[in-house]
């Protein structure tokens, strides 16, 4: 009987999860400023004729939803990498656990988006998402969820 290689897709999901944690979730560029925002509270601000400043947000609403999303991605990444390692060595099946990780990966950016939108007044949340565009951390989390689903359901 051929051994399942589903752990390879799980490794890809874990690798994407690591990259998602390290990359920004939102980006803005205009003729006057350039700004990046990470889920876990870091943001950069670069005026046209100035230096880039790195800061951590002190907005509790943003930080709450951002840290919840970051925690979901971190937990899913740690679980999927550790179980993929075990599956590659022992040939064990972790389909259900990888499915749960997929749900966490997919839920994290949605929690961030809708949580942040609920914290801001409707006119300001619309303005925020019109001002900022999504970056890799937002879409990459969905990609990690897709690879987790592939790992969960490949025989």
Protein backbone atom coordinates (compact mmCIF):
# COMPACT_ATOMS: atom_id res chain seq x y z
CA UNK A 1 0.00 0.00 0.00
CA UNK A 2 1.37 3.41 -0.96
CA UNK A 3 2.11 5.80 1.85
CA UNK A 4 0.10 9.03 1.87
CA UNK A 5 1.97 12.23 1.04
CA UNK A 6 -0.68 14.51 2.52
CA UNK A 7 1.84 15.79 5.04
CA UNK A 8 3.53 17.71 2.19
CA UNK A 9 0.42 19.86 1.77
CA UNK A 10 0.36 20.30 5.55
CA UNK A 11 3.97 21.51 5.47
CA UNK A 12 3.03 24.04 2.78
CA UNK A 13 0.15 25.25 4.95
CA UNK A 14 2.51 25.64 7.90
CA UNK A 15 5.07 27.51 5.80
CA UNK A 16 2.40 29.86 4.49
CA UNK A 17 1.18 30.32 8.08
CA UNK A 18 4.65 31.46 9.15
CA UNK A 19 4.84 33.90 6.24
CA UNK A 20 1.35 35.21 7.08
CA UNK A 21 2.48 36.01 10.62
CA UNK A 22 5.46 37.97 9.30
CA UNK A 23 3.78 39.94 6.51
CA UNK A 24 1.39 42.90 6.61
CA UNK A 25 -2.35 42.50 6.35
CA UNK A 26 -3.05 45.96 4.89
CA UNK A 27 -1.20 48.52 2.79
CA UNK A 28 -1.72 52.11 1.73
CA UNK A 29 0.25 54.14 -0.77
CA UNK A 30 -0.54 57.64 -1.92
CA UNK A 31 1.56 60.51 -3.14
CA UNK A 32 2.09 61.67 0.46
CA UNK A 33 2.42 58.53 2.60
CA UNK A 34 3.09 54.84 2.51
CA UNK A 35 1.86 52.62 5.32
CA UNK A 36 1.77 48.91 6.20
CA UNK A 37 -0.28 47.29 8.99
CA UNK A 38 0.30 43.87 10.59
CA UNK A 39 -2.44 41.95 12.39
CA UNK A 40 -0.49 41.86 15.63
CA UNK A 41 -0.32 45.64 16.02
CA UNK A 42 2.83 46.76 14.21
CA UNK A 43 2.46 49.48 11.62
CA UNK A 44 4.79 51.58 9.53
CA UNK A 45 4.33 55.13 8.44
CA UNK A 46 6.52 56.74 5.79
CA UNK A 47 5.76 60.32 4.75
CA UNK A 48 6.89 61.50 1.34
CA UNK A 49 9.91 63.41 2.63
CA UNK A 50 10.53 61.55 5.86
CA UNK A 51 11.91 58.39 7.36
CA UNK A 52 9.91 55.26 7.93
CA UNK A 53 8.71 54.90 11.50
CA UNK A 54 7.78 51.57 13.07
CA UNK A 55 5.18 51.75 15.82
CA UNK A 56 2.78 49.55 17.74
CA UNK A 57 -0.84 50.56 17.85
CA UNK A 58 -2.42 51.63 21.10
CA UNK A 59 -5.97 51.25 19.77
CA UNK A 60 -7.50 48.55 21.98
CA UNK A 61 -10.23 47.62 19.49
CA UNK A 62 -7.78 47.05 16.66
CA UNK A 63 -5.36 45.25 18.94
CA UNK A 64 -8.03 42.95 20.37
CA UNK A 65 -9.21 41.68 16.97
CA UNK A 66 -5.69 41.63 15.57
CA UNK A 67 -4.31 39.56 18.43
CA UNK A 68 -7.23 37.12 18.29
CA UNK A 69 -6.56 36.62 14.57
CA UNK A 70 -2.82 36.30 15.13
CA UNK A 71 -3.40 33.74 17.88
CA UNK A 72 -5.67 31.68 15.61
CA UNK A 73 -3.02 31.64 12.87
CA UNK A 74 -0.22 30.90 15.33
CA UNK A 75 -2.08 27.97 16.91
CA UNK A 76 -3.02 26.54 13.51
CA UNK A 77 0.56 26.93 12.25
CA UNK A 78 2.11 25.25 15.27
CA UNK A 79 -0.38 22.37 15.22
CA UNK A 80 -0.07 21.73 11.51
CA UNK A 81 3.74 21.83 11.47
CA UNK A 82 4.10 19.54 14.46
CA UNK A 83 1.56 17.03 13.16
CA UNK A 84 3.00 17.15 9.62
CA UNK A 85 6.38 16.27 11.09
CA UNK A 86 4.87 13.31 12.95
CA UNK A 87 2.92 12.23 9.86
CA UNK A 88 6.06 12.28 7.71
CA UNK A 89 7.94 10.04 10.14
CA UNK A 90 5.24 7.63 11.28
CA UNK A 91 2.74 7.79 8.46
CA UNK A 92 0.00 8.82 10.89
CA UNK A 93 -3.22 10.43 9.73
CA UNK A 94 -4.25 13.78 11.16
CA UNK A 95 -7.12 14.58 8.80
CA UNK A 96 -9.53 15.91 11.41
CA UNK A 97 -6.88 18.04 13.10
CA UNK A 98 -5.76 19.46 9.75
CA UNK A 99 -9.39 20.25 8.94
CA UNK A 100 -9.65 22.18 12.24
CA UNK A 101 -6.46 24.06 11.30
CA UNK A 102 -8.01 24.93 7.93
CA UNK A 103 -11.04 26.38 9.72
CA UNK A 104 -8.72 28.42 11.97
CA UNK A 105 -6.69 29.70 9.01
CA UNK A 106 -9.83 30.72 7.13
CA UNK A 107 -11.55 32.22 10.18
CA UNK A 108 -8.59 34.40 11.23
CA UNK A 109 -8.72 37.04 8.47
CA UNK A 110 -12.52 37.09 8.63
CA UNK A 111 -12.38 37.68 12.39
CA UNK A 112 -9.91 40.50 11.80
CA UNK A 113 -11.90 42.12 9.00
CA UNK A 114 -15.34 41.92 10.60
CA UNK A 115 -14.03 42.55 14.11
CA UNK A 116 -12.25 45.69 13.02
CA UNK A 117 -15.28 46.79 11.04
CA UNK A 118 -17.50 46.32 14.10
CA UNK A 119 -15.21 48.39 16.32
CA UNK A 120 -15.24 51.41 14.01
CA UNK A 121 -18.29 53.49 13.15
CA UNK A 122 -19.67 52.35 9.79
CA UNK A 123 -18.52 55.44 7.93
CA UNK A 124 -14.99 55.07 9.36
CA UNK A 125 -14.71 51.32 8.67
CA UNK A 126 -15.75 51.91 5.07
CA UNK A 127 -13.19 54.69 4.88
CA UNK A 128 -10.50 52.48 6.45
CA UNK A 129 -10.96 49.65 3.95
CA UNK A 130 -11.19 52.14 1.08
CA UNK A 131 -7.95 53.72 2.27
CA UNK A 132 -6.07 50.46 2.89
CA UNK A 133 -5.86 47.50 0.53
CA UNK A 134 -5.41 43.89 1.57
CA UNK A 135 -1.91 42.43 1.57
CA UNK A 136 -0.52 38.89 1.61
CA UNK A 137 -1.38 38.14 5.24
CA UNK A 138 -5.07 38.40 4.42
CA UNK A 139 -5.02 36.24 1.29
CA UNK A 140 -2.21 33.97 2.47
CA UNK A 141 -4.28 32.80 5.39
CA UNK A 142 -6.90 31.53 2.95
CA UNK A 143 -4.16 29.80 0.95
CA UNK A 144 -2.89 28.11 4.12
CA UNK A 145 -6.45 27.00 4.84
CA UNK A 146 -6.73 25.56 1.34
CA UNK A 147 -3.51 23.56 1.75
CA UNK A 148 -4.75 22.36 5.14
CA UNK A 149 -7.98 21.17 3.54
CA UNK A 150 -6.02 19.38 0.83
CA UNK A 151 -3.89 17.70 3.50
CA UNK A 152 -6.99 16.73 5.47
CA UNK A 153 -8.82 15.11 2.58
CA UNK A 154 -6.04 13.57 0.45
CA UNK A 155 -5.82 9.84 0.95
